[in-house]
């Protein structure tokens, strides 16, 4: 199994509760500036190994060494090579937080927020040579709660929905079912946000800026670009939380926008 630190323990527990053995969790070498904690052996149940390959190309070697019947990928932040995908006897499945083929790529939930979606999809699919293009084994949709403002918050909802589908997904793998091919249309690419969306323009409508702030914060860590950055009283700030509703007295900073007011509730100063 390949997973992010915060998703590996609950996924292992869900698989074990279904009666499956999990011999190893495959992590990844994280860049020094990557936020959050590293997955350690203390996070995993007894009897489950933790392997950290030196490069994605080594994942296939590790899987062949352990010889699992199937591999389960969830939130792995590196593209797995074809040798890794093909290593398990029954194949490799991945969970993607969108209704594929919509929002393929590394930032599906961020783009869903940016586009004003009220729901997001959760899709289990077979992995193939391309990214997020394999045949679908199971899918559902969940509300995109407007009160959730972090990747971790959204991920907890996605993980719950994904775990509920695991019996069906693994059953289809065991029966050798190919799954349903994704629709022929591309579905749109959900890449990392860029500089075109990184700067806050206070002349824009307050609702647009509010969505921009939430989309960036749900998108999580960005390897090349920081946002949303706003100029307030001559100082650059990275905005963390805003509201369109007047907060209690003494809370937040009111900013008059092109249309309507926005209150900044949390922000970090930038040097």
Protein backbone atom coordinates (compact mmCIF):
# COMPACT_ATOMS: atom_id res chain seq x y z
CA UNK A 1 0.00 0.00 0.00
CA UNK A 2 1.25 3.50 -0.86
CA UNK A 3 -0.19 6.39 1.12
CA UNK A 4 0.27 9.76 2.78
CA UNK A 5 1.23 9.77 6.48
CA UNK A 6 -2.23 10.79 7.69
CA UNK A 7 -4.05 8.22 5.55
CA UNK A 8 -1.90 5.11 6.00
CA UNK A 9 -3.01 4.06 9.53
CA UNK A 10 -6.80 4.27 8.93
CA UNK A 11 -6.47 2.55 5.55
CA UNK A 12 -4.42 -0.27 7.06
CA UNK A 13 -7.03 -0.68 9.79
CA UNK A 14 -9.86 -0.72 7.23
CA UNK A 15 -8.11 -3.38 5.14
CA UNK A 16 -7.31 -5.51 8.17
CA UNK A 17 -10.89 -5.25 9.40
CA UNK A 18 -11.97 -6.79 6.10
CA UNK A 19 -9.66 -9.73 6.74
CA UNK A 20 -6.82 -8.72 4.44
CA UNK A 21 -3.15 -8.90 5.35
CA UNK A 22 -1.13 -5.73 4.81
CA UNK A 23 2.56 -6.66 4.63
CA UNK A 24 3.97 -3.19 3.89
CA UNK A 25 3.17 0.48 3.57
CA UNK A 26 5.33 2.31 1.03
CA UNK A 27 6.04 5.92 1.89
CA UNK A 28 8.13 8.48 0.04
CA UNK A 29 11.14 10.70 0.55
CA UNK A 30 9.69 14.10 1.29
CA UNK A 31 11.39 17.39 0.32
CA UNK A 32 12.74 19.39 3.30
CA UNK A 33 10.08 22.12 2.87
CA UNK A 34 7.13 19.68 2.85
CA UNK A 35 4.87 20.46 5.84
CA UNK A 36 3.45 17.98 8.34
CA UNK A 37 4.86 14.93 10.05
CA UNK A 38 6.67 12.01 8.52
CA UNK A 39 5.14 8.55 8.59
CA UNK A 40 7.01 6.32 11.03
CA UNK A 41 6.82 2.67 12.07
CA UNK A 42 5.06 3.80 15.28
CA UNK A 43 2.07 4.89 13.19
CA UNK A 44 1.44 1.36 11.88
CA UNK A 45 -0.01 -1.76 13.52
CA UNK A 46 2.37 -4.54 14.56
CA UNK A 47 3.48 -6.75 11.70
CA UNK A 48 3.22 -4.05 9.01
CA UNK A 49 6.53 -2.96 7.51
CA UNK A 50 7.31 0.59 6.44
CA UNK A 51 9.42 1.04 3.31
CA UNK A 52 10.77 4.37 2.05
CA UNK A 53 12.19 3.96 -1.47
CA UNK A 54 15.04 6.19 -2.59
CA UNK A 55 13.10 7.02 -5.78
CA UNK A 56 9.70 6.16 -7.31
CA UNK A 57 11.47 3.77 -9.68
CA UNK A 58 12.24 1.53 -6.69
CA UNK A 59 8.58 1.00 -5.75
CA UNK A 60 8.22 -1.83 -8.26
CA UNK A 61 11.20 -3.65 -6.76
CA UNK A 62 9.72 -3.37 -3.29
CA UNK A 63 6.34 -4.68 -4.40
CA UNK A 64 7.91 -7.63 -6.19
CA UNK A 65 9.91 -8.43 -3.06
CA UNK A 66 6.77 -8.53 -0.89
CA UNK A 67 4.67 -10.23 -3.56
CA UNK A 68 1.22 -8.83 -2.65
CA UNK A 69 -1.88 -9.98 -4.50
CA UNK A 70 -2.96 -6.35 -4.93
CA UNK A 71 -1.69 -2.85 -4.15
CA UNK A 72 -3.82 0.01 -2.82
CA UNK A 73 -2.73 3.60 -3.48
CA UNK A 74 -4.22 6.60 -1.70
CA UNK A 75 -2.86 10.14 -2.01
CA UNK A 76 0.63 9.03 -3.03
CA UNK A 77 2.34 12.27 -4.13
CA UNK A 78 4.55 10.70 -6.77
CA UNK A 79 3.59 9.13 -10.08
CA UNK A 80 4.10 5.38 -9.84
CA UNK A 81 6.04 3.85 -12.75
CA UNK A 82 4.45 1.16 -14.91
CA UNK A 83 6.69 -1.48 -13.31
CA UNK A 84 5.17 -0.73 -9.90
CA UNK A 85 1.58 -0.65 -11.16
CA UNK A 86 1.99 -4.03 -12.84
CA UNK A 87 3.86 -5.75 -10.01
CA UNK A 88 0.89 -7.10 -7.93
CA UNK A 89 -0.80 -10.21 -9.33
CA UNK A 90 -4.31 -8.72 -9.34
CA UNK A 91 -3.27 -5.16 -10.14
CA UNK A 92 -3.05 -1.78 -8.41
CA UNK A 93 -5.99 0.44 -7.47
CA UNK A 94 -5.98 4.12 -6.63
CA UNK A 95 -8.48 6.43 -4.96
CA UNK A 96 -8.94 9.84 -6.59
CA UNK A 97 -11.05 12.60 -4.98
CA UNK A 98 -13.09 13.48 -8.05
CA UNK A 99 -15.73 11.98 -10.29
CA UNK A 100 -13.28 10.80 -12.96
CA UNK A 101 -12.59 11.73 -15.69
CA UNK A 102 -13.34 15.18 -14.24
CA UNK A 103 -10.49 16.86 -12.35
CA UNK A 104 -7.66 14.48 -13.15
CA UNK A 105 -4.38 15.55 -11.62
CA UNK A 106 -2.79 16.54 -8.30
CA UNK A 107 -5.23 19.27 -7.20
CA UNK A 108 -8.80 18.04 -7.81
CA UNK A 109 -10.42 19.38 -4.64
CA UNK A 110 -8.73 22.77 -4.94
CA UNK A 111 -10.17 23.19 -8.42
CA UNK A 112 -13.58 21.95 -7.31
CA UNK A 113 -13.67 24.72 -4.68
CA UNK A 114 -12.35 27.28 -7.18
CA UNK A 115 -15.13 26.35 -9.61
CA UNK A 116 -17.85 26.61 -6.97
CA UNK A 117 -18.70 22.90 -6.79
CA UNK A 118 -21.05 21.85 -4.00
CA UNK A 119 -20.05 18.16 -4.22
CA UNK A 120 -16.96 16.17 -5.11
CA UNK A 121 -16.58 12.67 -6.41
CA UNK A 122 -14.62 9.81 -4.85
CA UNK A 123 -13.43 7.25 -7.41
CA UNK A 124 -11.55 3.96 -7.08
CA UNK A 125 -9.91 3.01 -10.36
CA UNK A 126 -7.35 0.61 -11.71
CA UNK A 127 -4.00 2.26 -12.26
CA UNK A 128 -2.47 2.16 -15.72
CA UNK A 129 0.40 3.81 -17.56
CA UNK A 130 -1.22 7.28 -17.52
CA UNK A 131 -2.34 9.43 -14.59
CA UNK A 132 -5.91 8.96 -13.30
CA UNK A 133 -7.06 7.29 -16.53
CA UNK A 134 -7.60 3.65 -15.51
CA UNK A 135 -10.89 1.76 -15.56
CA UNK A 136 -13.32 2.65 -12.73
CA UNK A 137 -14.16 0.05 -10.08
CA UNK A 138 -16.38 2.15 -7.81
CA UNK A 139 -17.46 5.74 -7.37
CA UNK A 140 -19.64 7.93 -5.19
CA UNK A 141 -20.22 11.61 -4.44
CA UNK A 142 -20.02 13.49 -1.15
CA UNK A 143 -20.95 17.06 -0.13
CA UNK A 144 -18.17 19.64 -0.22
CA UNK A 145 -18.90 21.13 3.20
CA UNK A 146 -18.38 24.94 3.06
CA UNK A 147 -17.24 24.89 6.70
CA UNK A 148 -14.19 22.75 5.83
CA UNK A 149 -11.12 24.88 5.13
CA UNK A 150 -8.20 22.45 4.97
CA UNK A 151 -6.95 19.55 2.89
CA UNK A 152 -6.95 17.45 6.05
CA UNK A 153 -10.60 18.26 6.71
CA UNK A 154 -11.71 17.31 3.20
CA UNK A 155 -9.48 14.25 3.19
CA UNK A 156 -11.15 12.84 6.31
CA UNK A 157 -14.49 12.90 4.46
CA UNK A 158 -12.98 11.38 1.31
CA UNK A 159 -11.25 8.65 3.32
CA UNK A 160 -14.50 7.65 5.01
CA UNK A 161 -16.28 7.33 1.66
CA UNK A 162 -13.31 5.49 0.13
CA UNK A 163 -13.11 2.95 2.96
CA UNK A 164 -16.82 2.16 2.60
CA UNK A 165 -16.23 1.17 -1.04
CA UNK A 166 -13.20 -1.05 -0.38
CA UNK A 167 -15.11 -4.36 -0.04
CA UNK A 168 -16.69 -3.82 -3.46
CA UNK A 169 -13.40 -2.67 -5.03
CA UNK A 170 -11.32 -5.55 -3.71
CA UNK A 171 -14.06 -8.04 -4.57
CA UNK A 172 -13.96 -6.89 -8.18
CA UNK A 173 -10.19 -7.25 -8.21
CA UNK A 174 -10.39 -10.77 -6.81
CA UNK A 175 -12.90 -11.73 -9.52
CA UNK A 176 -10.63 -10.33 -12.21
CA UNK A 177 -13.11 -7.70 -13.35
CA UNK A 178 -11.59 -5.07 -15.62
CA UNK A 179 -13.83 -2.22 -14.49
CA UNK A 180 -15.58 0.39 -16.61
CA UNK A 181 -13.43 2.45 -19.01
CA UNK A 182 -13.52 6.16 -18.33
CA UNK A 183 -15.45 8.35 -20.74
CA UNK A 184 -13.53 9.25 -23.87
CA UNK A 185 -13.51 13.00 -23.15
CA UNK A 186 -10.48 14.37 -21.34
CA UNK A 187 -12.50 15.58 -18.36
CA UNK A 188 -10.21 18.50 -17.55
CA UNK A 189 -6.82 18.70 -15.80
CA UNK A 190 -6.59 19.82 -12.15
CA UNK A 191 -3.01 20.96 -11.84
CA UNK A 192 -1.40 23.01 -9.11
CA UNK A 193 -2.54 26.62 -8.91
CA UNK A 194 -0.14 29.09 -10.51
CA UNK A 195 0.86 32.72 -10.29
CA UNK A 196 -2.31 33.73 -12.16
CA UNK A 197 -4.34 32.77 -9.08
CA UNK A 198 -1.81 33.53 -6.35
CA UNK A 199 -2.34 37.28 -5.81
CA UNK A 200 -5.46 38.74 -4.21
CA UNK A 201 -7.01 41.63 -6.13
CA UNK A 202 -9.05 43.67 -3.67
CA UNK A 203 -11.00 45.23 -6.55
CA UNK A 204 -12.57 41.83 -7.26
CA UNK A 205 -15.89 40.82 -5.68
CA UNK A 206 -15.60 39.75 -2.05
CA UNK A 207 -17.17 36.36 -2.85
CA UNK A 208 -14.50 35.69 -5.49
CA UNK A 209 -11.67 36.45 -3.05
CA UNK A 210 -13.30 34.36 -0.32
CA UNK A 211 -13.41 31.39 -2.72
CA UNK A 212 -9.80 32.04 -3.74
CA UNK A 213 -8.63 31.90 -0.12
CA UNK A 214 -10.53 28.70 0.62
CA UNK A 215 -9.37 27.02 -2.60
CA UNK A 216 -5.70 27.73 -1.83
CA UNK A 217 -5.97 26.50 1.75
CA UNK A 218 -7.73 23.29 0.75
CA UNK A 219 -5.23 22.73 -2.07
CA UNK A 220 -2.52 22.40 0.59
CA UNK A 221 1.21 22.45 -0.03
CA UNK A 222 2.38 23.83 -3.37
CA UNK A 223 5.89 22.94 -4.55
CA UNK A 224 6.52 26.09 -6.57
CA UNK A 225 4.00 28.83 -5.82
CA UNK A 226 2.64 30.45 -2.65
CA UNK A 227 -0.82 31.88 -2.34
CA UNK A 228 -3.13 33.58 -1.81
CA UNK A 229 -0.98 36.63 -1.14
CA UNK A 230 -2.65 39.95 -0.31
CA UNK A 231 -1.33 43.44 0.36
CA UNK A 232 -2.76 44.97 3.55
CA UNK A 233 -1.45 48.33 4.79
CA UNK A 234 1.68 47.93 2.67
CA UNK A 235 2.51 44.48 4.07
CA UNK A 236 2.23 41.18 2.21
CA UNK A 237 0.15 38.50 3.93
CA UNK A 238 -0.78 34.96 3.08
CA UNK A 239 -4.49 34.71 3.84
CA UNK A 240 -5.60 31.64 5.82
CA UNK A 241 -9.25 32.26 6.63
CA UNK A 242 -11.89 34.78 5.57
CA UNK A 243 -15.63 35.24 5.94
CA UNK A 244 -18.33 37.10 4.06
CA UNK A 245 -20.43 37.46 7.21
CA UNK A 246 -19.68 40.11 9.80
CA UNK A 247 -17.89 38.33 12.68
CA UNK A 248 -18.29 39.24 16.36
CA UNK A 249 -17.03 42.67 17.35
CA UNK A 250 -13.25 42.80 17.63
CA UNK A 251 -12.77 39.77 15.38
CA UNK A 252 -11.15 39.95 11.98
CA UNK A 253 -10.15 42.82 9.71
CA UNK A 254 -12.76 44.27 7.34
CA UNK A 255 -11.63 44.92 3.77
CA UNK A 256 -13.81 46.76 1.27
CA UNK A 257 -13.65 44.84 -2.01
CA UNK A 258 -14.84 45.68 -5.51
CA UNK A 259 -18.25 44.32 -4.55
CA UNK A 260 -19.06 43.77 -0.89
CA UNK A 261 -16.90 43.43 2.23
CA UNK A 262 -14.61 40.62 3.31
CA UNK A 263 -13.32 39.94 6.81
CA UNK A 264 -9.84 38.46 7.19
CA UNK A 265 -9.86 36.13 10.19
CA UNK A 266 -6.40 34.57 9.91
CA UNK A 267 -3.27 35.41 7.93
CA UNK A 268 0.50 34.94 8.05
CA UNK A 269 2.89 37.84 7.40
CA UNK A 270 5.38 37.31 4.58
CA UNK A 271 8.91 38.68 4.83
